[in-house]
């Protein structure tokens, strides 16, 4: 792994391509479908990277993993963050890259939010174990949260308290 850094607007094309790759390669692992974001103008992706924290992990100079953090809006919700969009290319899985991305998101979240939430598909035990290793605990389940080709899939709701 070359390293992890915050992605900016200049990384929009690589970020968008990697995100769509994840949606296409692993349709049962994401709540979004490729067609949900395929036609996004690059300017909108650039704005997302400028406004939100997105960590990118690089291997041999290429973007190989991503994870984002959004902060909930509103006076009563701003104590919470959401870890979203976690994806690591299969050839980089098992190398510690995923854990490093989670750590980068949590490091950024500290001092800004008191809790970080996420959702993970029920049938994705490796991802669940990764999050559990980083202190996330399950607090609920949403049955039939997502439908892929008509198949209902459950999502596990997880949380980590930082403060």
C-alpha atoms as a PDB file:
ATOM      1  CA  UNK A   1       0.000   0.000   0.000  1.00  0.00           C
ATOM      2  CA  UNK A   2       1.340   3.399  -0.997  1.00  0.00           C
ATOM      3  CA  UNK A   3      -0.720   5.258   1.561  1.00  0.00           C
ATOM      4  CA  UNK A   4      -4.030   6.797   2.468  1.00  0.00           C
ATOM      5  CA  UNK A   5      -5.053  10.385   1.973  1.00  0.00           C
ATOM      6  CA  UNK A   6      -8.130  12.538   1.782  1.00  0.00           C
ATOM      7  CA  UNK A   7      -9.495  12.665  -1.739  1.00  0.00           C
ATOM      8  CA  UNK A   8     -10.205  16.026  -3.316  1.00  0.00           C
ATOM      9  CA  UNK A   9     -11.944  17.296  -6.435  1.00  0.00           C
ATOM     10  CA  UNK A  10      -8.946  16.322  -8.585  1.00  0.00           C
ATOM     11  CA  UNK A  11      -9.609  12.688  -7.636  1.00  0.00           C
ATOM     12  CA  UNK A  12     -13.252  12.778  -8.761  1.00  0.00           C
ATOM     13  CA  UNK A  13     -12.877  10.660 -11.904  1.00  0.00           C
ATOM     14  CA  UNK A  14     -10.891   7.907 -10.151  1.00  0.00           C
ATOM     15  CA  UNK A  15     -13.233   7.945  -7.132  1.00  0.00           C
ATOM     16  CA  UNK A  16     -16.346   7.763  -9.294  1.00  0.00           C
ATOM     17  CA  UNK A  17     -14.924   4.930 -11.414  1.00  0.00           C
ATOM     18  CA  UNK A  18     -13.960   2.901  -8.328  1.00  0.00           C
ATOM     19  CA  UNK A  19     -17.351   3.456  -6.696  1.00  0.00           C
ATOM     20  CA  UNK A  20     -19.172   2.291  -9.824  1.00  0.00           C
ATOM     21  CA  UNK A  21     -16.818  -0.695 -10.056  1.00  0.00           C
ATOM     22  CA  UNK A  22     -17.900  -1.779  -6.575  1.00  0.00           C
ATOM     23  CA  UNK A  23     -21.576  -1.415  -7.447  1.00  0.00           C
ATOM     24  CA  UNK A  24     -21.126  -3.528 -10.582  1.00  0.00           C
ATOM     25  CA  UNK A  25     -18.820  -6.218  -9.190  1.00  0.00           C
ATOM     26  CA  UNK A  26     -20.714  -6.691  -5.932  1.00  0.00           C
ATOM     27  CA  UNK A  27     -24.345  -5.673  -6.471  1.00  0.00           C
ATOM     28  CA  UNK A  28     -25.526  -7.490  -3.328  1.00  0.00           C
ATOM     29  CA  UNK A  29     -23.083  -5.578  -1.099  1.00  0.00           C
ATOM     30  CA  UNK A  30     -24.303  -2.033  -1.746  1.00  0.00           C
ATOM     31  CA  UNK A  31     -27.618  -0.295  -1.271  1.00  0.00           C
ATOM     32  CA  UNK A  32     -27.070   1.689  -4.468  1.00  0.00           C
ATOM     33  CA  UNK A  33     -27.129   0.376  -8.017  1.00  0.00           C
ATOM     34  CA  UNK A  34     -24.770   1.515 -10.784  1.00  0.00           C
ATOM     35  CA  UNK A  35     -27.607   3.318 -12.536  1.00  0.00           C
ATOM     36  CA  UNK A  36     -28.150   5.457  -9.410  1.00  0.00           C
ATOM     37  CA  UNK A  37     -24.817   7.220  -9.920  1.00  0.00           C
ATOM     38  CA  UNK A  38     -23.654   6.266 -13.409  1.00  0.00           C
ATOM     39  CA  UNK A  39     -24.861   9.495 -14.995  1.00  0.00           C
ATOM     40  CA  UNK A  40     -23.682  11.886 -12.298  1.00  0.00           C
ATOM     41  CA  UNK A  41     -21.872  14.871 -13.787  1.00  0.00           C
ATOM     42  CA  UNK A  42     -18.210  14.957 -12.752  1.00  0.00           C
ATOM     43  CA  UNK A  43     -18.825  18.414 -11.228  1.00  0.00           C
ATOM     44  CA  UNK A  44     -21.281  16.835  -8.763  1.00  0.00           C
ATOM     45  CA  UNK A  45     -18.714  14.173  -7.782  1.00  0.00           C
ATOM     46  CA  UNK A  46     -16.085  16.920  -7.358  1.00  0.00           C
ATOM     47  CA  UNK A  47     -18.488  18.795  -5.062  1.00  0.00           C
ATOM     48  CA  UNK A  48     -19.046  15.665  -2.961  1.00  0.00           C
ATOM     49  CA  UNK A  49     -15.297  15.269  -2.479  1.00  0.00           C
ATOM     50  CA  UNK A  50     -14.898  18.943  -1.595  1.00  0.00           C
ATOM     51  CA  UNK A  51     -17.731  18.906   0.946  1.00  0.00           C
ATOM     52  CA  UNK A  52     -17.359  15.486   2.559  1.00  0.00           C
ATOM     53  CA  UNK A  53     -14.433  13.540   3.936  1.00  0.00           C
ATOM     54  CA  UNK A  54     -13.490  10.641   1.672  1.00  0.00           C
ATOM     55  CA  UNK A  55     -10.343   8.626   2.325  1.00  0.00           C
ATOM     56  CA  UNK A  56      -8.619   6.939  -0.573  1.00  0.00           C
ATOM     57  CA  UNK A  57      -6.080   4.121  -0.339  1.00  0.00           C
ATOM     58  CA  UNK A  58      -3.507   3.784  -3.086  1.00  0.00           C
ATOM     59  CA  UNK A  59      -1.603   0.720  -4.278  1.00  0.00           C
ATOM     60  CA  UNK A  60       1.118   1.162  -6.911  1.00  0.00           C
ATOM     61  CA  UNK A  61      -0.149   4.685  -7.514  1.00  0.00           C
ATOM     62  CA  UNK A  62      -3.724   3.594  -8.262  1.00  0.00           C
ATOM     63  CA  UNK A  63      -6.812   4.164  -6.136  1.00  0.00           C
ATOM     64  CA  UNK A  64      -7.669   0.741  -4.656  1.00  0.00           C
ATOM     65  CA  UNK A  65     -10.036   1.566  -1.784  1.00  0.00           C
ATOM     66  CA  UNK A  66     -12.390   4.262  -0.559  1.00  0.00           C
ATOM     67  CA  UNK A  67     -14.460   5.124   2.511  1.00  0.00           C
ATOM     68  CA  UNK A  68     -16.397   8.268   3.354  1.00  0.00           C
ATOM     69  CA  UNK A  69     -17.724  10.073   6.391  1.00  0.00           C
ATOM     70  CA  UNK A  70     -20.786  12.300   6.388  1.00  0.00           C
ATOM     71  CA  UNK A  71     -21.979  14.282   9.346  1.00  0.00           C
ATOM     72  CA  UNK A  72     -25.698  14.384  10.024  1.00  0.00           C
ATOM     73  CA  UNK A  73     -27.257  17.837   9.658  1.00  0.00           C
ATOM     74  CA  UNK A  74     -29.307  19.653  12.245  1.00  0.00           C
ATOM     75  CA  UNK A  75     -28.752  20.807  15.802  1.00  0.00           C
ATOM     76  CA  UNK A  76     -30.036  17.553  17.287  1.00  0.00           C
ATOM     77  CA  UNK A  77     -28.194  15.210  14.942  1.00  0.00           C
ATOM     78  CA  UNK A  78     -24.790  16.771  14.356  1.00  0.00           C
ATOM     79  CA  UNK A  79     -23.208  14.593  17.054  1.00  0.00           C
ATOM     80  CA  UNK A  80     -23.472  11.623  14.639  1.00  0.00           C
ATOM     81  CA  UNK A  81     -21.486  10.639  11.585  1.00  0.00           C
ATOM     82  CA  UNK A  82     -22.070   8.004   8.925  1.00  0.00           C
ATOM     83  CA  UNK A  83     -19.330   5.818   7.496  1.00  0.00           C
ATOM     84  CA  UNK A  84     -20.396   5.214   3.880  1.00  0.00           C
ATOM     85  CA  UNK A  85     -19.171   3.924   0.547  1.00  0.00           C
ATOM     86  CA  UNK A  86     -16.558   1.496   1.853  1.00  0.00           C
ATOM     87  CA  UNK A  87     -15.044  -0.474  -1.019  1.00  0.00           C
ATOM     88  CA  UNK A  88     -11.705  -2.214  -1.483  1.00  0.00           C
ATOM     89  CA  UNK A  89     -10.769  -3.873  -4.742  1.00  0.00           C
ATOM     90  CA  UNK A  90     -10.680  -7.676  -4.347  1.00  0.00           C
ATOM     91  CA  UNK A  91      -6.962  -7.883  -5.137  1.00  0.00           C
ATOM     92  CA  UNK A  92      -6.263  -5.495  -2.225  1.00  0.00           C
ATOM     93  CA  UNK A  93      -8.531  -7.232   0.285  1.00  0.00           C
ATOM     94  CA  UNK A  94      -6.797  -9.043   3.121  1.00  0.00           C
ATOM     95  CA  UNK A  95      -3.822  -6.647   3.009  1.00  0.00           C
ATOM     96  CA  UNK A  96      -4.900  -4.367   5.857  1.00  0.00           C
ATOM     97  CA  UNK A  97      -6.073  -1.700   3.439  1.00  0.00           C
ATOM     98  CA  UNK A  98      -9.714  -1.919   4.604  1.00  0.00           C
ATOM     99  CA  UNK A  99      -8.712  -1.527   8.237  1.00  0.00           C
ATOM    100  CA  UNK A 100      -6.517   1.425   7.371  1.00  0.00           C
ATOM    101  CA  UNK A 101      -9.457   3.104   5.620  1.00  0.00           C
ATOM    102  CA  UNK A 102     -11.734   2.558   8.629  1.00  0.00           C
ATOM    103  CA  UNK A 103      -9.018   4.013  10.880  1.00  0.00           C
ATOM    104  CA  UNK A 104      -8.673   7.060   8.603  1.00  0.00           C
ATOM    105  CA  UNK A 105     -12.417   7.710   8.790  1.00  0.00           C
ATOM    106  CA  UNK A 106     -12.483   7.251  12.574  1.00  0.00           C
ATOM    107  CA  UNK A 107      -9.437   9.497  13.025  1.00  0.00           C
ATOM    108  CA  UNK A 108     -11.175  12.208  11.025  1.00  0.00           C
ATOM    109  CA  UNK A 109     -14.429  11.730  12.985  1.00  0.00           C
ATOM    110  CA  UNK A 110     -12.809  12.133  16.410  1.00  0.00           C
ATOM    111  CA  UNK A 111     -13.400  15.595  17.822  1.00  0.00           C
ATOM    112  CA  UNK A 112     -16.228  16.213  15.340  1.00  0.00           C
ATOM    113  CA  UNK A 113     -18.825  13.593  16.257  1.00  0.00           C
ATOM    114  CA  UNK A 114     -19.520  11.363  19.242  1.00  0.00           C
ATOM    115  CA  UNK A 115     -20.796   8.353  17.310  1.00  0.00           C
ATOM    116  CA  UNK A 116     -20.243   6.833  13.891  1.00  0.00           C
ATOM    117  CA  UNK A 117     -22.939   4.694  12.335  1.00  0.00           C
ATOM    118  CA  UNK A 118     -22.885   2.424   9.306  1.00  0.00           C
ATOM    119  CA  UNK A 119     -24.940  -0.196   7.547  1.00  0.00           C
ATOM    120  CA  UNK A 120     -23.635  -3.476   6.192  1.00  0.00           C
ATOM    121  CA  UNK A 121     -25.451  -6.150   4.275  1.00  0.00           C
ATOM    122  CA  UNK A 122     -26.364  -9.133   6.445  1.00  0.00           C
ATOM    123  CA  UNK A 123     -24.775 -11.632   4.045  1.00  0.00           C
ATOM    124  CA  UNK A 124     -21.351  -9.911   4.159  1.00  0.00           C
ATOM    125  CA  UNK A 125     -19.633 -11.483   7.197  1.00  0.00           C
ATOM    126  CA  UNK A 126     -16.102 -10.329   6.238  1.00  0.00           C
ATOM    127  CA  UNK A 127     -17.203  -6.675   6.281  1.00  0.00           C
ATOM    128  CA  UNK A 128     -19.065  -7.168   9.550  1.00  0.00           C
ATOM    129  CA  UNK A 129     -15.965  -8.695  11.142  1.00  0.00           C
ATOM    130  CA  UNK A 130     -13.845  -5.766   9.902  1.00  0.00           C
ATOM    131  CA  UNK A 131     -16.186  -3.268  11.528  1.00  0.00           C
ATOM    132  CA  UNK A 132     -16.409  -5.315  14.741  1.00  0.00           C
ATOM    133  CA  UNK A 133     -12.580  -5.375  14.953  1.00  0.00           C
ATOM    134  CA  UNK A 134     -12.728  -1.574  14.933  1.00  0.00           C
ATOM    135  CA  UNK A 135     -15.237  -1.411  17.778  1.00  0.00           C
ATOM    136  CA  UNK A 136     -18.543  -1.202  15.911  1.00  0.00           C
ATOM    137  CA  UNK A 137     -21.442  -3.090  17.456  1.00  0.00           C
ATOM    138  CA  UNK A 138     -24.744  -4.143  15.958  1.00  0.00           C
ATOM    139  CA  UNK A 139     -27.728  -2.220  17.247  1.00  0.00           C
ATOM    140  CA  UNK A 140     -30.406  -3.305  14.823  1.00  0.00           C
ATOM    141  CA  UNK A 141     -31.460  -4.867  11.569  1.00  0.00           C
ATOM    142  CA  UNK A 142     -33.557  -3.526   8.738  1.00  0.00           C
ATOM    143  CA  UNK A 143     -35.352  -6.414   7.055  1.00  0.00           C
ATOM    144  CA  UNK A 144     -35.891  -6.101   3.310  1.00  0.00           C
ATOM    145  CA  UNK A 145     -33.750  -2.935   3.276  1.00  0.00           C
ATOM    146  CA  UNK A 146     -32.591  -3.460  -0.294  1.00  0.00           C
ATOM    147  CA  UNK A 147     -33.866  -5.460  -3.237  1.00  0.00           C
ATOM    148  CA  UNK A 148     -31.440  -6.794  -5.820  1.00  0.00           C
ATOM    149  CA  UNK A 149     -33.117  -8.436  -8.802  1.00  0.00           C
ATOM    150  CA  UNK A 150     -36.232  -8.786  -6.662  1.00  0.00           C
ATOM    151  CA  UNK A 151     -34.398 -10.548  -3.819  1.00  0.00           C
ATOM    152  CA  UNK A 152     -34.963  -8.904  -0.415  1.00  0.00           C
ATOM    153  CA  UNK A 153     -31.744  -8.275   1.521  1.00  0.00           C
ATOM    154  CA  UNK A 154     -31.386  -7.236   5.158  1.00  0.00           C
ATOM    155  CA  UNK A 155     -29.009  -4.575   6.419  1.00  0.00           C
ATOM    156  CA  UNK A 156     -27.276  -4.664   9.779  1.00  0.00           C
ATOM    157  CA  UNK A 157     -27.091  -1.319  11.587  1.00  0.00           C
ATOM    158  CA  UNK A 158     -23.846  -0.747  13.484  1.00  0.00           C
ATOM    159  CA  UNK A 159     -22.502   2.005  15.707  1.00  0.00           C
ATOM    160  CA  UNK A 160     -19.235   2.990  17.373  1.00  0.00           C
ATOM    161  CA  UNK A 161     -19.146   5.495  20.199  1.00  0.00           C
ATOM    162  CA  UNK A 162     -16.139   7.796  20.089  1.00  0.00           C
ATOM    163  CA  UNK A 163     -16.862   9.828  23.222  1.00  0.00           C
END
